[in-house]
Structures are given as structure tokens and as C-alpha cells.
PDB file of N, CA and C in Angstrom:
ATOM      1  N   UNK A   1      94.124 142.755 118.997  1.00  0.00           N
ATOM      2  CA  UNK A   1      94.155 142.079 117.696  1.00  0.00           C
ATOM      3  C   UNK A   1      94.746 140.860 117.891  1.00  0.00           C
ATOM      4  N   UNK A   2      94.325 139.810 117.091  1.00  0.00           N
ATOM      5  CA  UNK A   2      94.873 138.613 117.185  1.00  0.00           C
ATOM      6  C   UNK A   2      95.833 138.585 115.931  1.00  0.00           C
ATOM      7  N   UNK A   3      97.223 137.758 116.223  1.00  0.00           N
ATOM      8  CA  UNK A   3      98.039 137.687 115.211  1.00  0.00           C
ATOM      9  C   UNK A   3      97.629 136.734 114.168  1.00  0.00           C
ATOM     10  N   UNK A   4      98.067 136.969 112.891  1.00  0.00           N
ATOM     11  CA  UNK A   4      97.791 135.931 111.938  1.00  0.00           C
ATOM     12  C   UNK A   4      98.716 134.542 112.079  1.00  0.00           C
ATOM     13  N   UNK A   5      98.257 133.649 111.424  1.00  0.00           N
ATOM     14  CA  UNK A   5      99.185 132.249 111.639  1.00  0.00           C
ATOM     15  C   UNK A   5     100.550 132.595 110.882  1.00  0.00           C
ATOM     16  N   UNK A   6     101.602 131.963 111.637  1.00  0.00           N
ATOM     17  CA  UNK A   6     103.032 132.026 111.172  1.00  0.00           C
ATOM     18  C   UNK A   6     103.830 131.079 111.695  1.00  0.00           C
ATOM     19  N   UNK A   7     104.946 130.497 110.952  1.00  0.00           N
ATOM     20  CA  UNK A   7     105.736 129.531 111.518  1.00  0.00           C
ATOM     21  C   UNK A   7     106.882 130.410 112.235  1.00  0.00           C
ATOM     22  N   UNK A   8     107.276 129.800 113.653  1.00  0.00           N
ATOM     23  CA  UNK A   8     108.152 130.214 114.572  1.00  0.00           C
ATOM     24  C   UNK A   8     109.426 129.354 114.330  1.00  0.00           C
ATOM     25  N   UNK A   9     110.512 130.003 114.109  1.00  0.00           N
ATOM     26  CA  UNK A   9     111.701 129.222 114.009  1.00  0.00           C
ATOM     27  C   UNK A   9     112.761 129.880 114.952  1.00  0.00           C
ATOM     28  N   UNK A  10     113.551 129.066 115.569  1.00  0.00           N
ATOM     29  CA  UNK A  10     114.521 129.419 116.787  1.00  0.00           C
ATOM     30  C   UNK A  10     115.636 128.560 116.384  1.00  0.00           C
ATOM     31  N   UNK A  11     116.517 129.189 115.491  1.00  0.00           N
ATOM     32  CA  UNK A  11     117.866 128.558 115.230  1.00  0.00           C
ATOM     33  C   UNK A  11     118.827 128.907 116.422  1.00  0.00           C
ATOM     34  N   UNK A  12     119.835 127.777 116.332  1.00  0.00           N
ATOM     35  CA  UNK A  12     120.922 127.997 117.457  1.00  0.00           C
ATOM     36  C   UNK A  12     122.304 128.512 116.925  1.00  0.00           C
ATOM     37  N   UNK A  13     122.322 128.900 115.649  1.00  0.00           N
ATOM     38  CA  UNK A  13     123.435 129.556 115.190  1.00  0.00           C
ATOM     39  C   UNK A  13     123.119 130.588 113.974  1.00  0.00           C
ATOM     40  N   UNK A  14     123.945 131.592 113.779  1.00  0.00           N
ATOM     41  CA  UNK A  14     123.812 132.627 112.800  1.00  0.00           C
ATOM     42  C   UNK A  14     123.695 131.870 111.504  1.00  0.00           C
ATOM     43  N   UNK A  15     124.345 130.943 111.026  1.00  0.00           N
ATOM     44  CA  UNK A  15     124.402 130.079 109.907  1.00  0.00           C
ATOM     45  C   UNK A  15     122.942 129.505 109.772  1.00  0.00           C
ATOM     46  N   UNK A  16     122.314 129.101 110.585  1.00  0.00           N
ATOM     47  CA  UNK A  16     121.242 128.475 110.453  1.00  0.00           C
ATOM     48  C   UNK A  16     120.015 129.529 110.395  1.00  0.00           C
ATOM     49  N   UNK A  17     120.209 130.692 111.074  1.00  0.00           N
ATOM     50  CA  UNK A  17     119.235 131.801 110.822  1.00  0.00           C
ATOM     51  C   UNK A  17     119.419 132.403 109.396  1.00  0.00           C
ATOM     52  N   UNK A  18     120.598 132.442 108.941  1.00  0.00           N
ATOM     53  CA  UNK A  18     120.782 132.920 107.552  1.00  0.00           C
ATOM     54  C   UNK A  18     120.039 132.092 106.368  1.00  0.00           C
ATOM     55  N   UNK A  19     120.323 130.838 106.988  1.00  0.00           N
ATOM     56  CA  UNK A  19     119.635 129.663 106.016  1.00  0.00           C
ATOM     57  C   UNK A  19     118.209 129.852 105.882  1.00  0.00           C
ATOM     58  N   UNK A  20     117.617 130.070 107.044  1.00  0.00           N
ATOM     59  CA  UNK A  20     116.028 130.067 107.053  1.00  0.00           C
ATOM     60  C   UNK A  20     115.749 131.522 106.419  1.00  0.00           C
ATOM     61  N   UNK A  21     116.382 132.387 106.452  1.00  0.00           N
ATOM     62  CA  UNK A  21     116.100 133.713 105.881  1.00  0.00           C
ATOM     63  C   UNK A  21     116.213 133.584 104.168  1.00  0.00           C
ATOM     64  N   UNK A  22     117.317 132.840 103.798  1.00  0.00           N
ATOM     65  CA  UNK A  22     117.635 132.564 102.284  1.00  0.00           C
ATOM     66  C   UNK A  22     116.254 131.721 101.699  1.00  0.00           C
ATOM     67  N   UNK A  23     116.040 130.767 102.620  1.00  0.00           N
ATOM     68  CA  UNK A  23     114.955 129.677 102.160  1.00  0.00           C
ATOM     69  C   UNK A  23     113.490 130.286 101.995  1.00  0.00           C
ATOM     70  N   UNK A  24     113.304 131.280 102.975  1.00  0.00           N
ATOM     71  CA  UNK A  24     111.992 131.778 102.965  1.00  0.00           C
ATOM     72  C   UNK A  24     111.758 133.168 102.413  1.00  0.00           C
ATOM     73  N   UNK A  25     113.249 134.030 102.076  1.00  0.00           N
ATOM     74  CA  UNK A  25     112.949 135.200 101.341  1.00  0.00           C
ATOM     75  C   UNK A  25     112.167 136.125 101.992  1.00  0.00           C
ATOM     76  N   UNK A  26     111.398 137.002 101.033  1.00  0.00           N
ATOM     77  CA  UNK A  26     110.655 138.016 101.596  1.00  0.00           C
ATOM     78  C   UNK A  26     109.432 137.822 102.614  1.00  0.00           C
ATOM     79  N   UNK A  27     109.163 136.465 102.723  1.00  0.00           N
ATOM     80  CA  UNK A  27     108.043 135.998 103.656  1.00  0.00           C
ATOM     81  C   UNK A  27     108.598 135.748 104.931  1.00  0.00           C
ATOM     82  N   UNK A  28     109.808 135.998 105.208  1.00  0.00           N
ATOM     83  CA  UNK A  28     110.436 135.707 106.715  1.00  0.00           C
ATOM     84  C   UNK A  28     110.843 136.960 107.190  1.00  0.00           C
ATOM     85  N   UNK A  29     110.759 137.225 108.514  1.00  0.00           N
ATOM     86  CA  UNK A  29     111.268 138.345 109.419  1.00  0.00           C
ATOM     87  C   UNK A  29     112.045 137.961 110.586  1.00  0.00           C
ATOM     88  N   UNK A  30     113.061 138.680 111.093  1.00  0.00           N
ATOM     89  CA  UNK A  30     114.010 138.355 112.013  1.00  0.00           C
ATOM     90  C   UNK A  30     113.305 139.004 113.331  1.00  0.00           C
ATOM     91  N   UNK A  31     113.335 138.384 114.531  1.00  0.00           N
ATOM     92  CA  UNK A  31     112.807 138.787 115.592  1.00  0.00           C
ATOM     93  C   UNK A  31     113.960 138.625 116.775  1.00  0.00           C
ATOM     94  N   UNK A  32     114.431 139.865 117.301  1.00  0.00           N
ATOM     95  CA  UNK A  32     115.312 139.908 118.342  1.00  0.00           C
ATOM     96  C   UNK A  32     114.675 139.890 119.655  1.00  0.00           C
ATOM     97  N   UNK A  33     114.089 141.148 120.100  1.00  0.00           N
ATOM     98  CA  UNK A  33     113.419 141.420 121.044  1.00  0.00           C
ATOM     99  C   UNK A  33     111.848 141.359 120.950  1.00  0.00           C
ATOM    100  N   UNK A  34     111.394 141.614 119.728  1.00  0.00           N
ATOM    101  CA  UNK A  34     110.203 141.506 119.385  1.00  0.00           C
ATOM    102  C   UNK A  34     109.532 143.000 119.601  1.00  0.00           C
ATOM    103  N   UNK A  35     110.188 143.832 119.904  1.00  0.00           N
ATOM    104  CA  UNK A  35     109.467 145.197 120.357  1.00  0.00           C
ATOM    105  C   UNK A  35     108.946 145.885 119.201  1.00  0.00           C
ATOM    106  N   UNK A  36     109.391 145.657 117.921  1.00  0.00           N
ATOM    107  CA  UNK A  36     108.867 146.272 116.726  1.00  0.00           C
ATOM    108  C   UNK A  36     108.009 145.428 116.107  1.00  0.00           C
ATOM    109  N   UNK A  37     108.482 144.207 115.849  1.00  0.00           N
ATOM    110  CA  UNK A  37     107.753 143.139 115.076  1.00  0.00           C
ATOM    111  C   UNK A  37     106.395 142.755 115.311  1.00  0.00           C
ATOM    112  N   UNK A  38     106.265 142.404 116.635  1.00  0.00           N
ATOM    113  CA  UNK A  38     105.124 141.692 117.340  1.00  0.00           C
ATOM    114  C   UNK A  38     103.831 142.814 116.986  1.00  0.00           C
ATOM    115  N   UNK A  39     104.251 144.288 117.595  1.00  0.00           N
ATOM    116  CA  UNK A  39     103.196 145.305 117.511  1.00  0.00           C
ATOM    117  C   UNK A  39     102.828 145.614 115.969  1.00  0.00           C
ATOM    118  N   UNK A  40     103.784 145.510 115.147  1.00  0.00           N
ATOM    119  CA  UNK A  40     103.489 145.794 113.667  1.00  0.00           C
ATOM    120  C   UNK A  40     102.625 144.694 112.984  1.00  0.00           C
ATOM    121  N   UNK A  41     102.865 143.408 113.531  1.00  0.00           N
ATOM    122  CA  UNK A  41     102.002 142.309 113.126  1.00  0.00           C
ATOM    123  C   UNK A  41     100.724 142.425 113.734  1.00  0.00           C
ATOM    124  N   UNK A  42     100.508 142.828 114.933  1.00  0.00           N
ATOM    125  CA  UNK A  42      99.217 143.168 115.579  1.00  0.00           C
ATOM    126  C   UNK A  42      98.373 143.965 114.653  1.00  0.00           C
ATOM    127  N   UNK A  43      98.933 144.989 114.188  1.00  0.00           N
ATOM    128  CA  UNK A  43      98.377 146.020 113.364  1.00  0.00           C
ATOM    129  C   UNK A  43      98.432 145.675 111.846  1.00  0.00           C
ATOM    130  N   UNK A  44      98.726 144.515 111.424  1.00  0.00           N
ATOM    131  CA  UNK A  44      98.950 144.000 110.125  1.00  0.00           C
ATOM    132  C   UNK A  44      99.907 144.992 109.232  1.00  0.00           C
ATOM    133  N   UNK A  45     100.756 145.501 109.775  1.00  0.00           N
ATOM    134  CA  UNK A  45     101.770 146.376 109.027  1.00  0.00           C
ATOM    135  C   UNK A  45     102.809 145.309 108.457  1.00  0.00           C
ATOM    136  N   UNK A  46     102.999 144.400 109.266  1.00  0.00           N
ATOM    137  CA  UNK A  46     104.033 143.119 108.869  1.00  0.00           C
ATOM    138  C   UNK A  46     103.216 141.986 109.004  1.00  0.00           C
ATOM    139  N   UNK A  47     103.334 141.073 107.863  1.00  0.00           N
ATOM    140  CA  UNK A  47     102.499 139.948 107.848  1.00  0.00           C
ATOM    141  C   UNK A  47     103.389 138.584 107.307  1.00  0.00           C
ATOM    142  N   UNK A  48     104.476 138.281 108.253  1.00  0.00           N
ATOM    143  CA  UNK A  48     105.441 137.404 107.632  1.00  0.00           C
ATOM    144  C   UNK A  48     104.682 136.112 107.760  1.00  0.00           C
ATOM    145  N   UNK A  49     105.259 135.258 107.019  1.00  0.00           N
ATOM    146  CA  UNK A  49     104.823 133.582 107.075  1.00  0.00           C
ATOM    147  C   UNK A  49     105.652 132.935 108.199  1.00  0.00           C
ATOM    148  N   UNK A  50     107.020 133.387 108.173  1.00  0.00           N
ATOM    149  CA  UNK A  50     107.813 132.791 109.014  1.00  0.00           C
ATOM    150  C   UNK A  50     108.617 133.811 109.902  1.00  0.00           C
ATOM    151  N   UNK A  51     108.579 133.613 111.171  1.00  0.00           N
ATOM    152  CA  UNK A  51     109.381 134.500 112.200  1.00  0.00           C
ATOM    153  C   UNK A  51     110.731 133.851 112.611  1.00  0.00           C
ATOM    154  N   UNK A  52     111.704 134.324 112.581  1.00  0.00           N
ATOM    155  CA  UNK A  52     113.055 133.809 112.779  1.00  0.00           C
ATOM    156  C   UNK A  52     113.555 134.378 113.928  1.00  0.00           C
ATOM    157  N   UNK A  53     113.521 133.896 115.144  1.00  0.00           N
ATOM    158  CA  UNK A  53     113.909 134.289 116.483  1.00  0.00           C
ATOM    159  C   UNK A  53     115.306 134.327 116.562  1.00  0.00           C
ATOM    160  N   UNK A  54     116.170 135.286 117.112  1.00  0.00           N
ATOM    161  CA  UNK A  54     117.601 135.113 117.283  1.00  0.00           C
ATOM    162  C   UNK A  54     117.838 134.799 118.709  1.00  0.00           C
ATOM    163  N   UNK A  55     116.793 134.487 119.658  1.00  0.00           N
ATOM    164  CA  UNK A  55     117.149 134.430 120.927  1.00  0.00           C
ATOM    165  C   UNK A  55     117.636 133.199 121.249  1.00  0.00           C
ATOM    166  N   UNK A  56     117.856 132.135 120.339  1.00  0.00           N
ATOM    167  CA  UNK A  56     118.482 130.925 120.594  1.00  0.00           C
ATOM    168  C   UNK A  56     119.838 131.021 120.253  1.00  0.00           C
ATOM    169  N   UNK A  57     120.431 132.098 119.843  1.00  0.00           N
ATOM    170  CA  UNK A  57     121.819 132.237 119.498  1.00  0.00           C
ATOM    171  C   UNK A  57     122.517 132.758 120.510  1.00  0.00           C
ATOM    172  N   UNK A  58     123.593 132.154 120.903  1.00  0.00           N
ATOM    173  CA  UNK A  58     124.324 132.682 122.048  1.00  0.00           C
ATOM    174  C   UNK A  58     125.194 133.759 121.929  1.00  0.00           C
ATOM    175  N   UNK A  59     125.122 134.817 122.487  1.00  0.00           N
ATOM    176  CA  UNK A  59     126.129 136.195 122.060  1.00  0.00           C
ATOM    177  C   UNK A  59     127.463 135.803 122.476  1.00  0.00           C
ATOM    178  N   UNK A  60     128.365 136.384 121.769  1.00  0.00           N
ATOM    179  CA  UNK A  60     129.881 136.337 122.176  1.00  0.00           C
ATOM    180  C   UNK A  60     129.980 137.250 123.332  1.00  0.00           C
ATOM    181  N   UNK A  61     130.830 137.046 124.072  1.00  0.00           N
ATOM    182  CA  UNK A  61     131.409 137.956 125.303  1.00  0.00           C
ATOM    183  C   UNK A  61     131.894 139.167 124.709  1.00  0.00           C
ATOM    184  N   UNK A  62     131.688 140.101 125.580  1.00  0.00           N
ATOM    185  CA  UNK A  62     132.287 141.495 125.312  1.00  0.00           C
ATOM    186  C   UNK A  62     133.810 141.317 125.174  1.00  0.00           C
ATOM    187  N   UNK A  63     134.493 141.926 124.383  1.00  0.00           N
ATOM    188  CA  UNK A  63     135.807 142.055 124.244  1.00  0.00           C
ATOM    189  C   UNK A  63     136.427 143.449 124.334  1.00  0.00           C
ATOM    190  N   UNK A  64     137.567 143.319 125.338  1.00  0.00           N
ATOM    191  CA  UNK A  64     138.284 144.672 125.432  1.00  0.00           C
ATOM    192  C   UNK A  64     139.182 144.782 124.406  1.00  0.00           C
ATOM    193  N   UNK A  65     139.170 145.936 123.758  1.00  0.00           N
ATOM    194  CA  UNK A  65     140.234 146.178 122.675  1.00  0.00           C
ATOM    195  C   UNK A  65     141.341 146.897 123.131  1.00  0.00           C
ATOM    196  N   UNK A  66     142.500 146.784 122.328  1.00  0.00           N
ATOM    197  CA  UNK A  66     143.685 147.502 122.808  1.00  0.00           C
ATOM    198  C   UNK A  66     143.578 148.980 122.929  1.00  0.00           C
ATOM    199  N   UNK A  67     142.780 149.660 122.394  1.00  0.00           N
ATOM    200  CA  UNK A  67     142.498 151.092 122.396  1.00  0.00           C
ATOM    201  C   UNK A  67     141.718 151.551 123.503  1.00  0.00           C
ATOM    202  N   UNK A  68     141.173 150.736 124.376  1.00  0.00           N
ATOM    203  CA  UNK A  68     140.530 150.956 125.617  1.00  0.00           C
ATOM    204  C   UNK A  68     138.788 150.703 125.257  1.00  0.00           C
ATOM    205  N   UNK A  69     138.516 150.722 124.020  1.00  0.00           N
ATOM    206  CA  UNK A  69     137.004 150.409 123.703  1.00  0.00           C
ATOM    207  C   UNK A  69     136.726 148.952 123.877  1.00  0.00           C
ATOM    208  N   UNK A  70     135.338 148.671 123.921  1.00  0.00           N
ATOM    209  CA  UNK A  70     134.756 147.395 124.205  1.00  0.00           C
ATOM    210  C   UNK A  70     133.894 147.030 122.990  1.00  0.00           C
ATOM    211  N   UNK A  71     134.160 145.840 122.385  1.00  0.00           N
ATOM    212  CA  UNK A  71     133.161 145.436 121.448  1.00  0.00           C
ATOM    213  C   UNK A  71     132.127 144.526 122.056  1.00  0.00           C
ATOM    214  N   UNK A  72     130.809 144.872 121.677  1.00  0.00           N
ATOM    215  CA  UNK A  72     129.739 144.125 122.370  1.00  0.00           C
ATOM    216  C   UNK A  72     128.842 143.485 121.194  1.00  0.00           C
ATOM    217  N   UNK A  73     128.707 142.309 121.349  1.00  0.00           N
ATOM    218  CA  UNK A  73     127.805 141.485 120.373  1.00  0.00           C
ATOM    219  C   UNK A  73     126.280 142.172 120.354  1.00  0.00           C
ATOM    220  N   UNK A  74     125.712 142.450 119.234  1.00  0.00           N
ATOM    221  CA  UNK A  74     124.571 143.003 119.291  1.00  0.00           C
ATOM    222  C   UNK A  74     123.327 142.020 119.857  1.00  0.00           C
ATOM    223  N   UNK A  75     123.671 140.736 120.076  1.00  0.00           N
ATOM    224  CA  UNK A  75     122.660 139.863 120.580  1.00  0.00           C
ATOM    225  C   UNK A  75     122.818 139.650 122.115  1.00  0.00           C
ATOM    226  N   UNK A  76     123.644 140.612 122.674  1.00  0.00           N
ATOM    227  CA  UNK A  76     123.846 140.447 124.190  1.00  0.00           C
ATOM    228  C   UNK A  76     122.878 141.268 124.928  1.00  0.00           C
ATOM    229  N   UNK A  77     122.166 140.369 125.842  1.00  0.00           N
ATOM    230  CA  UNK A  77     121.116 141.140 126.622  1.00  0.00           C
ATOM    231  C   UNK A  77     121.716 142.273 127.495  1.00  0.00           C
ATOM    232  N   UNK A  78     120.976 143.266 127.879  1.00  0.00           N
ATOM    233  CA  UNK A  78     121.567 144.162 128.660  1.00  0.00           C
ATOM    234  C   UNK A  78     121.898 143.718 130.000  1.00  0.00           C
ATOM    235  N   UNK A  79     120.896 142.934 130.603  1.00  0.00           N
ATOM    236  CA  UNK A  79     121.224 142.387 131.886  1.00  0.00           C
ATOM    237  C   UNK A  79     122.553 141.639 131.859  1.00  0.00           C
ATOM    238  N   UNK A  80     122.911 140.701 130.952  1.00  0.00           N
ATOM    239  CA  UNK A  80     124.230 139.959 130.770  1.00  0.00           C
ATOM    240  C   UNK A  80     125.311 140.925 130.632  1.00  0.00           C
ATOM    241  N   UNK A  81     125.135 141.839 129.812  1.00  0.00           N
ATOM    242  CA  UNK A  81     126.122 142.958 129.651  1.00  0.00           C
ATOM    243  C   UNK A  81     126.387 143.641 131.089  1.00  0.00           C
ATOM    244  N   UNK A  82     125.443 143.919 131.779  1.00  0.00           N
ATOM    245  CA  UNK A  82     125.637 144.674 133.106  1.00  0.00           C
ATOM    246  C   UNK A  82     126.484 143.683 133.947  1.00  0.00           C
ATOM    247  N   UNK A  83     126.451 142.460 134.080  1.00  0.00           N
ATOM    248  CA  UNK A  83     126.720 141.398 134.921  1.00  0.00           C
ATOM    249  C   UNK A  83     128.372 141.053 134.411  1.00  0.00           C
ATOM    250  N   UNK A  84     128.458 141.388 133.186  1.00  0.00           N
ATOM    251  CA  UNK A  84     129.791 140.942 132.578  1.00  0.00           C
ATOM    252  C   UNK A  84     131.075 141.498 133.481  1.00  0.00           C
ATOM    253  N   UNK A  85     132.187 140.853 133.569  1.00  0.00           N
ATOM    254  CA  UNK A  85     133.420 141.134 134.195  1.00  0.00           C
ATOM    255  C   UNK A  85     134.008 142.278 133.341  1.00  0.00           C
ATOM    256  N   UNK A  86     133.817 142.310 131.951  1.00  0.00           N
ATOM    257  CA  UNK A  86     134.272 143.062 131.273  1.00  0.00           C
ATOM    258  C   UNK A  86     133.944 144.665 131.501  1.00  0.00           C
ATOM    259  N   UNK A  87     132.668 144.824 131.804  1.00  0.00           N
ATOM    260  CA  UNK A  87     132.035 146.148 131.953  1.00  0.00           C
ATOM    261  C   UNK A  87     132.392 146.567 133.567  1.00  0.00           C
ATOM    262  N   UNK A  88     133.042 147.517 133.883  1.00  0.00           N
ATOM    263  CA  UNK A  88     133.491 147.778 135.054  1.00  0.00           C
ATOM    264  C   UNK A  88     132.781 148.983 135.506  1.00  0.00           C
TER     265      UNK A  88
END
């Protein structure tokens, strides 16, 4: 099935992504990997006017915490996480 027409935005910061969401309200959807959104758009479960991709936002590096835990940015791709010096 062919997707409906929509605008594609790829902001480079969280602030810009938030502004796009605020500006477009209910007609905008976030896309990180697209594994849920695109199939739902194909079967017309989701029909946003604007898709805001998070792929242009650089993730923060993993952080080793004092208690031995590690904080991982939700935008961190698994391949980059596996290659990180923080993950042993």
C-alpha cells in the first residue's frame, strides 16, 4: 500500500523537534526507527500530516554512574552502543 502525502522534518536538536510538535499539534508524529509508525501509516491506522524524525539528533554518550549503573540515551543506536568504550 502506498503512503499518503506528508511533510518530513528532520530537526537537529530536541528543542527544534519539540517546536515542530507544538506547531503541528495532533497532526504530527515522531519517528525514531519507524518500525511502528510506517507500517501503521501503510494500513492507514496513523495518517499524520507531518512526520518528525529524530534521526538528525545526536545522542549523548553513555554515562557511567557512581553506583555502577550506566545511563543510556534513548536515541543511541544499538550498534553505536555496542562499540562504546563505556560498555565493556
